[in-house]
N, C-alpha and C. Protein backbone atom coordinates (compact mmCIF):
# COMPACT_ATOMS: atom_id res chain seq x y z
N MET A 1 69.05 66.37 86.20
CA MET A 1 70.30 66.05 85.52
C MET A 1 70.22 66.57 84.09
N GLN A 2 71.20 67.32 83.66
CA GLN A 2 71.30 67.79 82.28
C GLN A 2 72.01 66.75 81.44
N ARG A 3 71.48 66.48 80.25
CA ARG A 3 72.17 65.68 79.25
C ARG A 3 72.72 66.66 78.23
N VAL A 4 74.02 66.57 77.97
CA VAL A 4 74.68 67.52 77.08
C VAL A 4 75.33 66.77 75.93
N CYS A 5 75.07 67.22 74.71
CA CYS A 5 75.69 66.66 73.52
C CYS A 5 76.33 67.82 72.75
N PHE A 6 77.53 67.59 72.23
CA PHE A 6 78.22 68.63 71.47
C PHE A 6 78.99 67.99 70.32
N LEU A 7 79.35 68.82 69.35
CA LEU A 7 80.10 68.38 68.18
C LEU A 7 81.39 69.19 68.07
N LEU A 8 82.46 68.53 67.67
CA LEU A 8 83.72 69.17 67.31
C LEU A 8 84.26 68.43 66.10
N LYS A 9 85.29 68.97 65.47
CA LYS A 9 85.87 68.33 64.29
C LYS A 9 87.36 68.10 64.52
N VAL A 10 87.75 66.82 64.54
CA VAL A 10 89.16 66.43 64.70
C VAL A 10 89.80 66.43 63.31
N ARG A 11 91.01 66.93 63.22
CA ARG A 11 91.74 66.94 61.95
C ARG A 11 91.94 65.49 61.48
N LYS A 12 91.65 65.24 60.22
CA LYS A 12 91.74 63.87 59.69
C LYS A 12 93.14 63.29 59.83
N ASP A 13 94.16 64.13 59.73
CA ASP A 13 95.53 63.63 59.84
C ASP A 13 95.96 63.36 61.28
N ARG A 14 95.08 63.64 62.24
CA ARG A 14 95.41 63.44 63.65
C ARG A 14 94.48 62.43 64.34
N LEU A 15 93.62 61.76 63.56
CA LEU A 15 92.62 60.86 64.15
C LEU A 15 93.24 59.76 65.01
N GLU A 16 94.25 59.09 64.49
CA GLU A 16 94.84 57.97 65.22
C GLU A 16 95.47 58.44 66.53
N GLU A 17 96.20 59.53 66.48
CA GLU A 17 96.81 60.04 67.71
C GLU A 17 95.75 60.51 68.70
N TYR A 18 94.67 61.09 68.21
CA TYR A 18 93.57 61.51 69.09
C TYR A 18 92.99 60.29 69.81
N ARG A 19 92.77 59.22 69.06
CA ARG A 19 92.27 57.98 69.69
C ARG A 19 93.25 57.48 70.76
N GLU A 20 94.55 57.49 70.43
CA GLU A 20 95.56 57.02 71.38
C GLU A 20 95.57 57.86 72.65
N ARG A 21 95.47 59.17 72.50
CA ARG A 21 95.46 60.04 73.68
C ARG A 21 94.27 59.74 74.58
N HIS A 22 93.15 59.43 73.98
CA HIS A 22 91.95 59.17 74.78
C HIS A 22 91.89 57.73 75.31
N ALA A 23 92.75 56.88 74.82
CA ALA A 23 92.87 55.54 75.39
C ALA A 23 93.69 55.59 76.68
N ALA A 24 94.37 56.73 76.91
CA ALA A 24 95.23 56.87 78.08
C ALA A 24 95.10 58.28 78.66
N VAL A 25 93.87 58.68 78.97
CA VAL A 25 93.65 60.01 79.58
C VAL A 25 94.34 60.03 80.93
N TRP A 26 95.00 61.14 81.21
CA TRP A 26 95.72 61.28 82.48
C TRP A 26 94.79 61.02 83.67
N PRO A 27 95.23 60.25 84.64
CA PRO A 27 94.40 59.99 85.83
C PRO A 27 93.95 61.26 86.53
N GLU A 28 94.81 62.27 86.59
CA GLU A 28 94.42 63.52 87.26
C GLU A 28 93.36 64.28 86.47
N MET A 29 93.31 64.08 85.15
CA MET A 29 92.25 64.69 84.35
C MET A 29 90.93 63.98 84.61
N LEU A 30 90.97 62.66 84.67
CA LEU A 30 89.76 61.89 84.98
C LEU A 30 89.22 62.28 86.36
N GLN A 31 90.10 62.43 87.31
CA GLN A 31 89.67 62.82 88.66
C GLN A 31 89.06 64.22 88.66
N ALA A 32 89.68 65.15 87.95
CA ALA A 32 89.15 66.51 87.89
C ALA A 32 87.76 66.53 87.26
N LEU A 33 87.56 65.78 86.18
CA LEU A 33 86.24 65.71 85.55
C LEU A 33 85.20 65.18 86.52
N THR A 34 85.54 64.12 87.23
CA THR A 34 84.62 63.53 88.19
C THR A 34 84.28 64.52 89.30
N GLU A 35 85.30 65.17 89.84
CA GLU A 35 85.08 66.14 90.92
C GLU A 35 84.29 67.36 90.46
N ALA A 36 84.40 67.70 89.18
CA ALA A 36 83.67 68.84 88.63
C ALA A 36 82.21 68.50 88.28
N GLY A 37 81.85 67.22 88.39
CA GLY A 37 80.46 66.84 88.17
C GLY A 37 80.14 66.29 86.79
N TRP A 38 81.17 65.92 86.02
CA TRP A 38 80.94 65.31 84.71
C TRP A 38 80.63 63.83 84.94
N ARG A 39 79.51 63.36 84.42
CA ARG A 39 79.10 61.97 84.59
C ARG A 39 78.75 61.36 83.23
N ASN A 40 78.93 60.06 83.13
CA ASN A 40 78.51 59.34 81.92
C ASN A 40 79.04 60.03 80.67
N TYR A 41 80.30 60.43 80.70
CA TYR A 41 80.92 61.20 79.62
C TYR A 41 81.47 60.25 78.56
N SER A 42 81.06 60.46 77.31
CA SER A 42 81.51 59.64 76.19
C SER A 42 81.87 60.53 75.02
N LEU A 43 82.86 60.07 74.25
CA LEU A 43 83.22 60.70 72.99
C LEU A 43 83.10 59.65 71.90
N PHE A 44 82.50 60.03 70.77
CA PHE A 44 82.34 59.15 69.62
C PHE A 44 83.01 59.84 68.44
N LEU A 45 83.85 59.11 67.70
CA LEU A 45 84.61 59.70 66.61
C LEU A 45 84.31 58.99 65.30
N ARG A 46 83.87 59.75 64.32
CA ARG A 46 83.61 59.22 62.98
C ARG A 46 84.89 59.32 62.16
N GLU A 47 85.02 58.50 61.13
CA GLU A 47 86.24 58.44 60.33
C GLU A 47 86.59 59.74 59.62
N ASP A 48 85.60 60.61 59.41
CA ASP A 48 85.90 61.91 58.77
C ASP A 48 86.30 62.97 59.78
N GLY A 49 86.38 62.59 61.06
CA GLY A 49 86.80 63.51 62.10
C GLY A 49 85.69 64.11 62.93
N LEU A 50 84.44 63.85 62.57
CA LEU A 50 83.34 64.38 63.39
C LEU A 50 83.40 63.73 64.77
N LEU A 51 83.46 64.57 65.79
CA LEU A 51 83.50 64.10 67.17
C LEU A 51 82.18 64.48 67.84
N VAL A 52 81.52 63.50 68.42
CA VAL A 52 80.28 63.72 69.15
C VAL A 52 80.57 63.42 70.62
N GLY A 53 80.32 64.40 71.46
CA GLY A 53 80.51 64.21 72.89
C GLY A 53 79.17 64.19 73.60
N TYR A 54 79.10 63.40 74.66
CA TYR A 54 77.88 63.31 75.47
C TYR A 54 78.28 63.22 76.93
N LEU A 55 77.59 63.96 77.77
CA LEU A 55 77.81 63.86 79.21
C LEU A 55 76.54 64.21 79.95
N GLU A 56 76.53 63.85 81.20
CA GLU A 56 75.43 64.21 82.09
C GLU A 56 76.03 64.96 83.27
N THR A 57 75.32 65.99 83.70
CA THR A 57 75.80 66.80 84.82
C THR A 57 74.63 67.56 85.43
N GLU A 58 74.77 67.96 86.65
CA GLU A 58 73.71 68.76 87.29
C GLU A 58 73.60 70.14 86.65
N ASP A 59 74.75 70.75 86.32
CA ASP A 59 74.78 72.10 85.78
C ASP A 59 76.00 72.21 84.86
N PHE A 60 75.78 72.22 83.55
CA PHE A 60 76.88 72.21 82.60
C PHE A 60 77.79 73.43 82.74
N ALA A 61 77.20 74.61 82.88
CA ALA A 61 78.01 75.82 83.02
C ALA A 61 78.89 75.73 84.26
N ALA A 62 78.33 75.25 85.36
CA ALA A 62 79.11 75.11 86.60
C ALA A 62 80.20 74.04 86.44
N ALA A 63 79.89 72.96 85.74
CA ALA A 63 80.88 71.89 85.52
C ALA A 63 82.02 72.40 84.65
N GLN A 64 81.70 73.20 83.63
CA GLN A 64 82.75 73.79 82.80
C GLN A 64 83.61 74.76 83.61
N GLN A 65 82.98 75.58 84.42
CA GLN A 65 83.72 76.53 85.24
C GLN A 65 84.62 75.82 86.24
N ALA A 66 84.13 74.74 86.83
CA ALA A 66 84.96 73.98 87.77
C ALA A 66 86.19 73.42 87.08
N MET A 67 86.04 72.94 85.86
CA MET A 67 87.19 72.44 85.11
C MET A 67 88.14 73.57 84.74
N ALA A 68 87.60 74.72 84.38
CA ALA A 68 88.43 75.86 83.99
C ALA A 68 89.34 76.32 85.13
N ARG A 69 88.95 76.03 86.35
CA ARG A 69 89.76 76.42 87.52
C ARG A 69 90.89 75.44 87.83
N THR A 70 90.98 74.34 87.09
CA THR A 70 92.01 73.35 87.39
C THR A 70 93.22 73.51 86.49
N GLU A 71 94.38 73.26 87.04
CA GLU A 71 95.63 73.32 86.28
C GLU A 71 95.71 72.20 85.26
N VAL A 72 95.23 71.02 85.63
CA VAL A 72 95.31 69.87 84.71
C VAL A 72 94.48 70.12 83.46
N ASN A 73 93.35 70.79 83.60
CA ASN A 73 92.53 71.08 82.42
C ASN A 73 93.24 72.06 81.49
N ALA A 74 93.91 73.05 82.04
CA ALA A 74 94.66 74.00 81.21
C ALA A 74 95.72 73.26 80.39
N ARG A 75 96.43 72.33 81.02
CA ARG A 75 97.44 71.55 80.31
C ARG A 75 96.81 70.67 79.23
N TRP A 76 95.73 69.98 79.60
CA TRP A 76 95.05 69.07 78.65
C TRP A 76 94.52 69.85 77.45
N GLN A 77 93.84 70.96 77.69
CA GLN A 77 93.26 71.74 76.59
C GLN A 77 94.35 72.28 75.67
N ALA A 78 95.47 72.71 76.23
CA ALA A 78 96.59 73.20 75.42
C ALA A 78 97.12 72.10 74.51
N GLU A 79 97.23 70.89 75.03
CA GLU A 79 97.71 69.78 74.21
C GLU A 79 96.69 69.33 73.18
N MET A 80 95.42 69.38 73.51
CA MET A 80 94.37 68.89 72.61
C MET A 80 94.01 69.88 71.51
N ALA A 81 94.26 71.16 71.71
CA ALA A 81 93.83 72.18 70.75
C ALA A 81 94.34 71.89 69.34
N GLU A 82 95.55 71.38 69.21
CA GLU A 82 96.13 71.14 67.88
C GLU A 82 95.43 70.03 67.10
N PHE A 83 94.58 69.26 67.76
CA PHE A 83 93.88 68.15 67.11
C PHE A 83 92.61 68.60 66.38
N PHE A 84 92.13 69.80 66.67
CA PHE A 84 90.81 70.22 66.18
C PHE A 84 90.86 71.24 65.07
N GLU A 85 89.83 71.20 64.23
CA GLU A 85 89.61 72.21 63.20
C GLU A 85 88.67 73.29 63.75
N ALA A 86 88.82 74.50 63.24
CA ALA A 86 87.86 75.59 63.44
C ALA A 86 87.55 75.93 64.89
N LEU A 87 88.56 76.03 65.72
CA LEU A 87 88.32 76.46 67.11
C LEU A 87 88.27 77.98 67.23
N ASP A 88 88.75 78.67 66.23
CA ASP A 88 88.75 80.14 66.20
C ASP A 88 89.36 80.75 67.46
N GLY A 89 90.48 80.19 67.89
CA GLY A 89 91.19 80.73 69.04
C GLY A 89 90.71 80.25 70.39
N ALA A 90 89.64 79.49 70.43
CA ALA A 90 89.10 78.97 71.69
C ALA A 90 89.78 77.65 72.03
N ALA A 91 89.81 77.32 73.31
CA ALA A 91 90.24 75.99 73.73
C ALA A 91 89.14 75.01 73.36
N PRO A 92 89.49 73.73 73.16
CA PRO A 92 88.45 72.77 72.80
C PRO A 92 87.25 72.77 73.75
N ASP A 93 87.51 72.85 75.06
CA ASP A 93 86.38 72.82 75.99
C ASP A 93 85.54 74.09 75.92
N GLU A 94 86.10 75.19 75.44
CA GLU A 94 85.33 76.42 75.26
C GLU A 94 84.50 76.36 73.97
N ALA A 95 84.91 75.52 73.03
CA ALA A 95 84.20 75.39 71.76
C ALA A 95 83.06 74.38 71.83
N MET A 96 82.90 73.72 72.96
CA MET A 96 81.83 72.73 73.13
C MET A 96 80.50 73.46 73.35
N LYS A 97 79.75 73.62 72.28
CA LYS A 97 78.44 74.28 72.37
C LYS A 97 77.36 73.22 72.36
N PRO A 98 76.61 73.11 73.45
CA PRO A 98 75.59 72.06 73.53
C PRO A 98 74.55 72.16 72.41
N LEU A 99 74.18 71.00 71.89
CA LEU A 99 73.09 70.91 70.93
C LEU A 99 71.76 70.94 71.69
N THR A 100 70.73 71.37 71.03
CA THR A 100 69.41 71.40 71.65
C THR A 100 68.79 70.01 71.58
N GLU A 101 68.39 69.50 72.72
CA GLU A 101 67.74 68.19 72.76
C GLU A 101 66.30 68.34 72.27
N VAL A 102 65.92 67.51 71.30
CA VAL A 102 64.56 67.57 70.78
C VAL A 102 63.74 66.33 71.09
N PHE A 103 64.41 65.28 71.58
CA PHE A 103 63.69 64.07 71.96
C PHE A 103 64.53 63.27 72.92
N HIS A 104 63.87 62.62 73.87
CA HIS A 104 64.54 61.73 74.81
C HIS A 104 63.55 60.62 75.21
N LEU A 105 63.99 59.39 75.11
CA LEU A 105 63.21 58.24 75.56
C LEU A 105 63.81 57.76 76.85
N PRO A 106 63.19 58.06 77.98
CA PRO A 106 63.77 57.62 79.27
C PRO A 106 63.69 56.11 79.48
């Protein structure tokens, strides 16, 4: 099982709406994530907009590719893109670059 952690930056003026959107993630998006192999997925948001994501999956690249093939993900990413800083033209899920794990206490 791969443990994946990534960072993104949410625009400070959009923090509250970002929280609201994630309090009501579309059921079809949740289903697509589950079917694509995303497990134990969490997002943590700091008041300055730093977003820390964590998930577990058998194969992160394969899980990302499975999501990229879904229509619901295309819609979700299009709506979420406006919430983030510094995506440089990428969709939020394309900007998720895993951090290198340096320690784990099982």
